[in-house]
Every structure is written in structure tokens, then in C-alpha cells.
Protein backbone atom coordinates (compact mmCIF):
# COMPACT_ATOMS: atom_id res chain seq x y z
CA MET A 1 6.92 -2.58 -15.34
CA THR A 2 7.69 -1.04 -18.79
CA SER A 3 10.09 1.82 -18.62
CA GLU A 4 9.61 5.06 -20.61
CA ASN A 5 12.41 4.19 -22.82
CA GLU A 6 11.13 0.75 -23.63
CA ASN A 7 7.75 2.38 -24.37
CA TYR A 8 9.38 4.81 -26.75
CA THR A 9 11.24 2.04 -28.54
CA GLU A 10 7.98 0.14 -28.89
CA ILE A 11 6.34 3.24 -30.22
CA LEU A 12 9.22 3.69 -32.66
CA HIS A 13 8.80 0.25 -34.01
CA TRP A 14 5.10 0.77 -34.59
CA LEU A 15 5.84 4.00 -36.14
CA LYS A 16 8.08 2.58 -38.75
CA GLY A 17 5.50 0.03 -39.73
CA GLN A 18 2.92 2.70 -40.17
CA ALA A 19 5.29 4.71 -42.23
CA LYS A 20 6.15 1.92 -44.50
CA GLU A 21 2.40 1.47 -45.31
CA LEU A 22 2.19 5.08 -46.21
CA GLY A 23 5.01 4.86 -48.69
CA PHE A 24 8.05 5.93 -46.63
CA SER A 25 11.17 3.94 -47.05
CA ASP A 26 12.97 4.64 -43.77
CA VAL A 27 12.51 6.53 -40.55
CA LYS A 28 15.34 7.79 -38.13
CA ILE A 29 15.46 9.95 -35.23
CA SER A 30 17.64 13.05 -34.46
CA ASP A 31 18.15 15.46 -31.73
CA LEU A 32 18.00 19.18 -32.72
CA ASP A 33 21.49 20.25 -31.82
CA LEU A 34 22.58 21.93 -35.11
CA THR A 35 25.43 24.00 -33.58
CA GLN A 36 28.06 22.33 -36.01
CA GLU A 37 25.91 23.07 -39.14
CA VAL A 38 24.80 26.73 -38.42
CA PRO A 39 28.34 28.40 -39.19
CA TYR A 40 28.35 26.73 -42.64
CA PHE A 41 24.78 27.90 -43.32
CA GLN A 42 25.61 31.47 -42.19
CA GLU A 43 28.79 31.56 -44.22
CA TRP A 44 26.80 30.46 -47.25
CA LEU A 45 24.30 33.23 -46.73
CA ARG A 46 27.06 35.85 -46.22
CA LYS A 47 28.62 34.78 -49.52
CA GLY A 48 25.09 35.33 -51.30
CA HIS A 49 25.13 31.86 -52.63
CA HIS A 50 21.37 31.65 -51.88
CA GLY A 51 20.67 33.92 -54.77
CA GLN A 52 17.18 35.56 -54.64
CA MET A 53 15.85 33.02 -52.19
CA HIS A 54 15.45 35.81 -49.56
CA TYR A 55 13.34 33.52 -47.34
CA MET A 56 16.59 31.59 -46.53
CA SER A 57 18.19 34.75 -44.90
CA ARG A 58 14.86 36.14 -43.61
CA HIS A 59 14.23 33.06 -41.33
CA ALA A 60 17.85 32.12 -40.74
CA ASN A 61 17.45 32.33 -36.99
CA LEU A 62 14.62 29.85 -37.03
CA ARG A 63 16.78 27.28 -38.91
CA ALA A 64 19.50 27.57 -36.22
CA ASN A 65 16.75 27.35 -33.31
CA PRO A 66 14.22 24.69 -34.11
CA ASN A 67 12.81 25.41 -30.58
CA ASP A 68 11.37 28.60 -31.99
CA LEU A 69 9.20 26.64 -34.43
CA LEU A 70 7.92 24.39 -31.76
CA PRO A 71 8.52 25.29 -28.20
CA GLY A 72 9.69 22.18 -26.20
CA VAL A 73 10.70 20.24 -29.22
CA VAL A 74 13.48 17.75 -28.51
CA ARG A 75 13.39 15.35 -31.38
CA SER A 76 12.97 15.33 -35.31
CA ILE A 77 11.46 12.06 -36.66
CA CYS A 78 13.22 12.11 -40.18
CA PHE A 79 11.40 10.36 -43.04
CA ARG A 80 12.74 9.19 -46.41
CA MET A 81 10.30 8.59 -49.30
CA ASP A 82 11.76 7.20 -52.46
CA TYR A 83 10.37 8.91 -55.66
CA LEU A 84 11.58 7.25 -58.89
CA PRO A 85 8.28 6.55 -60.82
CA ARG A 86 6.92 3.15 -61.10
CA VAL A 87 7.22 1.68 -64.67
CA LYS A 88 4.60 -0.31 -66.35
CA ASP A 89 5.12 -2.98 -68.85
CA ASP A 90 3.08 -3.89 -71.91
CA ASN A 91 0.59 -5.65 -69.75
CA ASN A 92 0.08 -2.56 -67.57
CA VAL A 93 1.88 -4.30 -64.58
CA ASN A 94 4.17 -2.09 -62.39
CA HIS A 95 7.76 -3.15 -61.97
CA LEU A 96 10.90 -1.52 -60.82
CA THR A 97 13.53 0.21 -62.84
CA GLU A 98 16.88 -1.57 -63.27
CA ASP A 99 19.04 1.51 -63.89
CA PHE A 100 17.09 4.69 -64.67
CA ARG A 101 20.29 6.60 -65.10
CA SER A 102 21.00 5.07 -68.60
CA LYS A 103 17.68 6.17 -69.93
CA GLU A 104 17.89 9.70 -68.46
CA LEU A 105 21.52 10.20 -69.68
CA LEU A 106 20.56 9.27 -73.29
CA GLN A 107 17.59 11.68 -73.20
CA LEU A 108 19.72 14.40 -71.73
CA LYS A 109 21.99 14.09 -74.92
CA ASP A 110 19.05 14.63 -77.20
CA ALA A 111 18.77 18.43 -77.52
CA SER A 112 15.31 18.24 -78.80
CA GLN A 113 13.90 16.68 -75.56
CA ALA A 114 12.38 18.84 -72.70
CA ILE A 115 14.20 17.64 -69.62
CA VAL A 116 12.07 17.81 -66.45
CA SER A 117 13.66 16.74 -63.20
CA VAL A 118 12.38 13.17 -62.30
CA TYR A 119 10.94 14.25 -58.91
CA ALA A 120 8.58 16.65 -60.67
CA ARG A 121 7.02 14.44 -63.25
CA GLY A 122 4.24 13.28 -60.88
CA ARG A 123 2.07 14.87 -58.28
CA ASP A 124 3.43 17.66 -56.06
CA TYR A 125 5.56 15.98 -53.36
CA HIS A 126 4.71 18.64 -50.85
CA LYS A 127 1.12 17.41 -50.92
CA VAL A 128 1.87 13.76 -50.88
CA LEU A 129 4.34 13.95 -48.02
CA ARG A 130 2.46 16.28 -45.87
CA LYS A 131 -0.79 14.30 -46.18
CA ASN A 132 0.96 11.05 -45.12
CA LEU A 133 3.05 12.70 -42.34
CA LEU A 134 -0.08 14.18 -40.90
CA VAL A 135 -1.79 10.74 -40.93
CA ILE A 136 1.33 9.31 -38.97
CA ALA A 137 1.36 12.44 -36.53
CA LYS A 138 -2.35 11.98 -35.80
CA LEU A 139 -1.91 8.29 -35.06
CA LEU A 140 1.13 9.10 -32.80
CA GLU A 141 -0.98 11.61 -30.95
CA GLU A 142 -3.59 8.87 -30.14
CA LYS A 143 -0.71 6.88 -28.50
CA ILE A 144 0.80 9.72 -26.52
CA ALA A 145 -1.30 12.04 -24.60
CA ASP A 146 -0.52 15.76 -24.71
CA LEU A 147 1.87 15.32 -27.71
CA LYS A 148 3.19 18.48 -29.28
CA TYR A 149 4.12 18.08 -32.96
CA ARG A 150 4.87 19.84 -36.15
CA VAL A 151 4.88 18.41 -39.64
CA LEU A 152 7.45 19.90 -41.95
CA VAL A 153 7.81 19.41 -45.81
CA ASP A 154 9.64 22.47 -47.04
CA SER A 155 6.96 24.43 -45.12
CA ALA A 156 9.11 26.01 -42.51
CA PRO A 157 12.68 27.06 -42.12
CA VAL A 158 14.51 23.86 -41.33
CA LEU A 159 17.99 22.61 -42.11
CA GLU A 160 16.44 19.34 -43.22
CA VAL A 161 19.59 17.65 -44.87
CA ALA A 162 21.53 18.48 -41.74
CA LEU A 163 18.80 16.71 -39.69
CA ALA A 164 18.63 13.71 -42.03
CA THR A 165 22.40 13.38 -41.92
CA LYS A 166 22.59 13.76 -38.12
CA SER A 167 19.78 11.07 -37.93
CA GLY A 168 21.51 8.57 -40.15
CA LEU A 169 19.24 8.55 -42.98
CA GLY A 170 22.43 8.99 -45.05
CA TRP A 171 25.55 11.10 -45.29
CA ARG A 172 25.85 14.57 -47.10
CA GLY A 173 27.21 14.04 -50.51
CA LYS A 174 29.65 16.48 -52.16
CA HIS A 175 26.64 17.90 -54.12
CA THR A 176 25.06 18.61 -50.72
CA LEU A 177 22.33 16.11 -51.05
CA ASN A 178 21.72 13.29 -48.61
CA LEU A 179 23.03 9.92 -49.81
CA ASN A 180 22.20 6.42 -48.75
CA ARG A 181 24.06 3.38 -49.66
CA GLN A 182 20.97 1.43 -50.32
CA ALA A 183 19.01 4.18 -51.91
CA GLY A 184 21.37 6.82 -53.58
CA SER A 185 19.66 10.27 -53.25
CA MET A 186 16.51 9.99 -55.39
CA TYR A 187 14.30 10.60 -52.36
CA PHE A 188 12.30 13.21 -50.66
CA LEU A 189 12.93 14.20 -46.91
CA GLY A 190 10.15 15.02 -44.41
CA GLU A 191 10.21 15.69 -40.58
CA ILE A 192 7.84 15.63 -37.67
CA PHE A 193 9.09 17.70 -34.83
CA VAL A 194 8.03 16.20 -31.53
CA ASP A 195 8.50 17.01 -27.80
CA ILE A 196 9.18 13.48 -26.51
CA PRO A 197 12.66 12.07 -26.03
CA LEU A 198 12.59 9.20 -28.60
CA PRO A 199 15.83 7.35 -28.78
CA VAL A 200 18.17 8.96 -31.38
CA ASP A 201 19.88 7.17 -34.23
CA GLU A 202 23.54 7.43 -34.99
CA PRO A 203 24.88 9.12 -38.03
CA VAL A 204 26.48 7.06 -40.77
CA SER A 205 30.00 7.51 -42.25
CA ASN A 206 30.57 9.29 -45.52
CA HIS A 207 31.10 6.95 -48.56
CA CYS A 208 31.94 9.34 -51.45
CA GLY A 209 35.66 8.73 -50.97
CA SER A 210 37.85 10.57 -53.66
CA CYS A 211 34.99 10.59 -56.18
CA GLN A 212 33.88 14.04 -57.27
CA ASP A 213 32.03 13.25 -60.54
CA CYS A 214 29.16 15.45 -59.46
CA ILE A 215 31.55 18.42 -59.14
CA ASP A 216 33.35 17.79 -62.34
CA LEU A 217 30.27 17.25 -64.45
CA CYS A 218 27.97 19.96 -63.17
CA PRO A 219 27.14 21.88 -66.47
CA THR A 220 27.27 25.38 -64.94
CA LYS A 221 29.96 24.67 -62.26
CA ALA A 222 27.66 25.42 -59.54
CA ILE A 223 29.31 22.91 -57.16
CA LEU A 224 32.25 25.20 -56.25
CA ALA A 225 33.84 22.56 -54.04
CA PRO A 226 32.81 19.52 -52.00
CA PHE A 227 29.55 20.54 -49.97
CA GLN A 228 29.67 23.97 -51.36
CA ILE A 229 26.93 25.06 -54.02
CA ASP A 230 26.31 28.59 -55.42
CA ALA A 231 22.68 28.57 -56.10
CA ASN A 232 23.20 31.61 -58.51
CA ARG A 233 24.71 29.11 -61.10
CA CYS A 234 22.56 26.04 -60.36
CA ILE A 235 20.20 25.01 -63.23
CA SER A 236 17.50 23.93 -60.60
CA TYR A 237 17.64 27.29 -59.01
CA LEU A 238 17.71 29.18 -62.33
CA THR A 239 14.66 27.24 -63.71
CA ILE A 240 12.52 27.09 -60.54
CA GLU A 241 13.38 29.83 -58.04
CA HIS A 242 14.99 32.54 -60.00
CA PRO A 243 12.22 35.03 -60.96
CA GLY A 244 13.81 37.16 -63.61
CA SER A 245 16.10 37.05 -66.58
CA ILE A 246 18.51 34.05 -66.68
CA PRO A 247 22.18 35.39 -66.85
CA LEU A 248 23.42 35.42 -70.46
CA GLU A 249 26.62 33.56 -69.62
CA LEU A 250 24.67 30.56 -68.11
CA ARG A 251 21.93 30.22 -70.83
CA SER A 252 24.03 28.07 -73.22
CA LEU A 253 25.28 25.92 -70.38
CA MET A 254 21.60 24.93 -69.40
CA GLY A 255 21.22 22.62 -72.37
CA ASN A 256 17.62 21.28 -72.65
CA HIS A 257 16.69 21.56 -68.97
CA VAL A 258 13.25 23.16 -68.63
CA TYR A 259 12.52 22.35 -64.92
CA GLY A 260 15.13 21.35 -62.46
CA CYS A 261 18.27 19.37 -63.07
CA ASP A 262 19.43 15.78 -62.02
CA ASP A 263 22.87 15.80 -63.58
CA CYS A 264 24.84 15.68 -60.43
CA GLN A 265 22.56 12.69 -59.23
CA LEU A 266 22.71 10.90 -62.48
CA VAL A 267 26.50 10.66 -62.51
CA CYS A 268 26.66 9.57 -58.79
CA HIS A 269 27.47 5.98 -58.64
CA TRP A 270 25.34 5.45 -55.63
CA ASN A 271 22.17 6.10 -57.58
CA LYS A 272 22.48 2.68 -59.29
CA PHE A 273 20.80 1.78 -56.00
CA ALA A 274 18.05 4.32 -56.30
CA LYS A 275 14.56 2.83 -55.46
CA ASN A 276 11.16 3.25 -57.23
CA SER A 277 8.39 4.63 -55.10
CA THR A 278 5.64 2.29 -54.07
CA LEU A 279 3.01 5.09 -54.67
CA ALA A 280 1.02 5.99 -57.83
CA ASP A 281 1.39 9.69 -56.88
CA PHE A 282 4.90 9.83 -58.33
CA ASP A 283 3.82 8.02 -61.59
CA VAL A 284 4.75 10.15 -64.76
CA ARG A 285 2.01 12.56 -65.77
CA ASN A 286 1.46 14.23 -69.19
CA GLN A 287 4.49 12.49 -70.68
CA LEU A 288 6.74 14.70 -68.88
CA ASP A 289 9.53 12.15 -69.34
CA CYS A 290 9.43 12.05 -73.08
CA SER A 291 8.10 15.42 -74.28
CA SER A 292 9.88 17.42 -77.01
CA LEU A 293 10.81 21.15 -76.63
CA GLU A 294 8.64 21.89 -79.60
CA GLU A 295 5.70 20.22 -78.07
CA VAL A 296 5.75 22.04 -74.68
CA PHE A 297 6.46 25.36 -76.31
CA GLY A 298 3.32 25.04 -78.09
CA TRP A 299 1.31 25.09 -74.92
CA LYS A 300 -0.99 28.05 -74.29
CA LYS A 301 -1.34 29.24 -70.72
CA GLU A 302 -4.72 27.16 -70.30
CA ASP A 303 -2.82 24.16 -71.50
CA PHE A 304 -0.04 24.71 -68.84
CA ASP A 305 -2.55 25.33 -66.16
CA SER A 306 -4.68 22.32 -66.95
CA LYS A 307 -1.60 19.83 -67.32
CA MET A 308 0.36 21.11 -64.42
CA GLN A 309 -2.40 21.33 -61.90
CA GLY A 310 -1.44 19.33 -58.92
CA SER A 311 2.28 19.31 -59.98
CA ALA A 312 5.17 20.96 -58.39
CA ILE A 313 5.88 22.69 -61.86
CA TYR A 314 2.56 24.57 -61.49
CA ARG A 315 4.34 26.79 -58.80
CA ILE A 316 6.61 28.55 -61.23
CA GLY A 317 3.87 29.57 -63.52
CA TYR A 318 3.58 29.81 -67.24
CA GLU A 319 5.69 32.72 -67.78
CA ARG A 320 8.89 31.16 -66.08
CA TRP A 321 7.93 27.86 -67.93
CA MET A 322 8.01 29.58 -71.30
CA ARG A 323 11.35 31.49 -70.35
CA ASN A 324 12.91 28.19 -69.53
CA VAL A 325 11.76 26.46 -72.70
CA SER A 326 12.80 29.42 -74.86
CA VAL A 327 16.40 29.07 -73.55
CA ALA A 328 16.34 25.24 -74.30
CA LEU A 329 15.10 25.99 -77.81
CA GLY A 330 17.86 28.51 -78.36
CA ASN A 331 20.32 25.68 -77.28
CA TYR A 332 18.62 23.25 -79.65
CA LEU A 333 19.02 25.81 -82.57
CA ARG A 334 22.80 26.05 -81.73
CA SER A 335 23.19 22.27 -81.48
CA GLU A 336 24.69 20.10 -84.21
CA GLN A 337 21.82 17.68 -83.97
CA ILE A 338 19.25 19.91 -85.57
CA SER A 339 18.42 19.61 -89.33
CA VAL A 340 17.96 22.41 -91.60
CA SER A 341 14.13 21.79 -91.89
CA GLN A 342 13.75 21.51 -88.12
CA LYS A 343 15.80 24.74 -87.61
CA SER A 344 13.47 26.59 -89.83
CA LYS A 345 10.50 25.09 -87.92
CA ILE A 346 11.83 25.95 -84.56
CA THR A 347 12.70 29.40 -85.76
CA GLU A 348 9.23 30.13 -86.89
CA LEU A 349 7.78 28.75 -83.60
CA LEU A 350 9.77 31.15 -81.56
CA LYS A 351 8.95 34.03 -83.86
CA ASN A 352 5.19 33.29 -83.44
CA GLN A 353 5.41 33.47 -79.72
CA TYR A 354 7.33 36.82 -79.61
CA GLY A 355 5.14 39.37 -78.11
CA CYS A 356 2.50 37.06 -76.96
CA ILE A 357 3.33 36.32 -73.32
CA SER A 358 5.61 38.91 -71.58
CA GLU A 359 8.74 41.09 -71.97
CA LEU A 360 10.72 38.53 -69.98
CA VAL A 361 9.79 35.67 -72.36
CA ASP A 362 10.52 37.98 -75.30
CA GLU A 363 14.00 38.58 -74.08
CA HIS A 364 14.76 34.99 -73.87
CA ILE A 365 13.08 34.22 -77.21
CA ALA A 366 15.28 37.02 -78.87
CA TRP A 367 18.33 35.35 -77.37
CA ALA A 368 17.35 31.98 -78.81
CA LEU A 369 16.81 33.53 -82.28
CA ASN A 370 20.25 35.13 -82.20
CA PRO A 371 22.98 32.66 -81.72
């Protein structure tokens, strides 16, 4: 006679096979006891390090109590999905990137380039993960009668890095992201909360050692100390979540980032093991891996809406996009790389957009024009 535990183990083995077919790289199980994590989260909120992400504090109690999200929940099935884009050779054949970091770091040094975080160059990951997790959840529901579940992809207040760390998907790096010895940190996390006691996995040990390159090389010094980030200074927060004027003292430190920032990941030595996605969803769209600031600043609203439809970037809207590019162009004008003729061209481009979009964009254009 098969015991319940043996049955759950068999289901878990089947589940991992299904997940792999849907583009997930790893699956681990965690319980929902977050008592060790909650005090750190509450202290982070108390210090105001969440910036204007008011939803973080508004639903803080739900992050501490997963049972309030799904009554009866006892496990989180934690999923990892690698997102480095596939690369096509001259024969249009997909292959894996040997070391994406070298290319990214070179491009970062070119002040004329518009730098978009790698994860956002393809389709919106929320849609991809949610769709595939729902497929898995429905299949699981067919196997387990009266299963209660909830699929989570940034769609509910959950301490997902804490759950991923607790499950053994990786350890928490000093930049606060989940890190894996075989895959670095270039992956998405997703969860399915369930009310069945699947066997839990053990956490893995931390392998950052004495390295603190991510802290030392953060352009805005947003990583205050190991495992401590002030979102108010983080380029990802400033270009994506922050709704208003970018603080003056941070603009010159943002370089050519126009959406997100991967700097702390690019310098992380574990990311030499980062994996390419198996899904076409994360293939680069609209040349977001090699577009110039001049090119993207020339987009009209209808261009932005058309090109960014289905992208995570679409969520920030045209105004914030142009705000971000204005700052990057200001930094390009201030760089030693720009020629006299290009400086004149960029200056004219900025002047032509002044008064065309909004007061917020005008403020950043004015800053760009007045080094």
C-alpha cells in the first residue's frame, strides 16, 4: 500500500517533469514559516527604504502571514525560470551565450547606448510565468482532489526571495537577490501556494564569501551593506517604480540606464554560470539590446505603445520612459565620448522635445541641457 508521503514524492517528481517542459529550470518546496524574515522586512519598511512603493507597507501583514492569502496553505512550490535570451547565429540557429556579461559590460561603457535590463527585452515575464504556472496548477488539480492553490507572480504580497531561499533554490546574495551556484541570479521566481504537505527541501549554504563586488560597484550606492538595499537610490527603482522627478543628486550617477539596472548582477562572479532561457518569449524584441539613446528618444507615444505592447516596459508608460532617456542623454552630453557634432545633434534633439510631452519630462530635459 502506497503511503501518503510516497504519493506526494511521486507527484513531486511528475511535477518537476511538467515544469521543465514549460520552461522552468528548477522546482523546490518550502514551508510557510517566515518568522525569521519578517523582522528584517518590517525594519526595512520602518526606515523608508521601500521609497514610494506604498503597496509594500500597505500589505505588510499579508507578507508575514501567507495563510491570509490562501486559508489552509502549508507549502509554497517555488519555481525558477532562467531568462537570458537565446542567441541566433548567422544560420538563424539558437545557441547559448558563453558569457553574456562581457557584452553587457562593454555596452554599458558606451554612453550613447540605451541600456535596458536584460529581463525586460522580451515578453513581459508576468504573463509568461503566470500562464505556465496556471497550466501546472491545473494539471496538479487533476491529480489531487479538492486541491486549494494560488498562483503567484508578483501578483500578491509575498516575500518570494525569502521563500526561494528557504526552499533551497539558492541563497540570498549580498545584493538581496536569490543566487544559485549553477545559474547565478538571472532568473525569475514564481510560486504556487498549496494546501497539501509536500515534502520540503533544505536551504543551501551561502557562497558569497568575502566578496562584495556588488556593493562596491553599485553606481548609486543603493546597497548600503550586505542584504540591505535602499530602493530610493536604486536605479531599477528610479527608472521603473518611482513616479516623479528623479533626485538631482542621483541623475549623473544613472549613466545610460533607461529601464532597470543589472550592474550588481553583471559583476557577480556566479553569473558566469547564468543560463539562457529555453523559451522564445524572452528573445530580444525591437533591438532593445543594441538601441541608441538618440533612436529611442525619437519615439513618439504611438511608437512606444506599439513597440512596448506585451513588454514589462509598457507598464511605466511613455512619460517615464522619456524622463529616463532624457537623464541618460544628459549624461551622454556630459561624457568625454561625445563628439562636437554629436553633441550639437543631441542638444537639438532635446530642445525639439521640450514642451511636447509633460512638465515632468521638460524638467529632465532642462537638466540634460544644462550640465
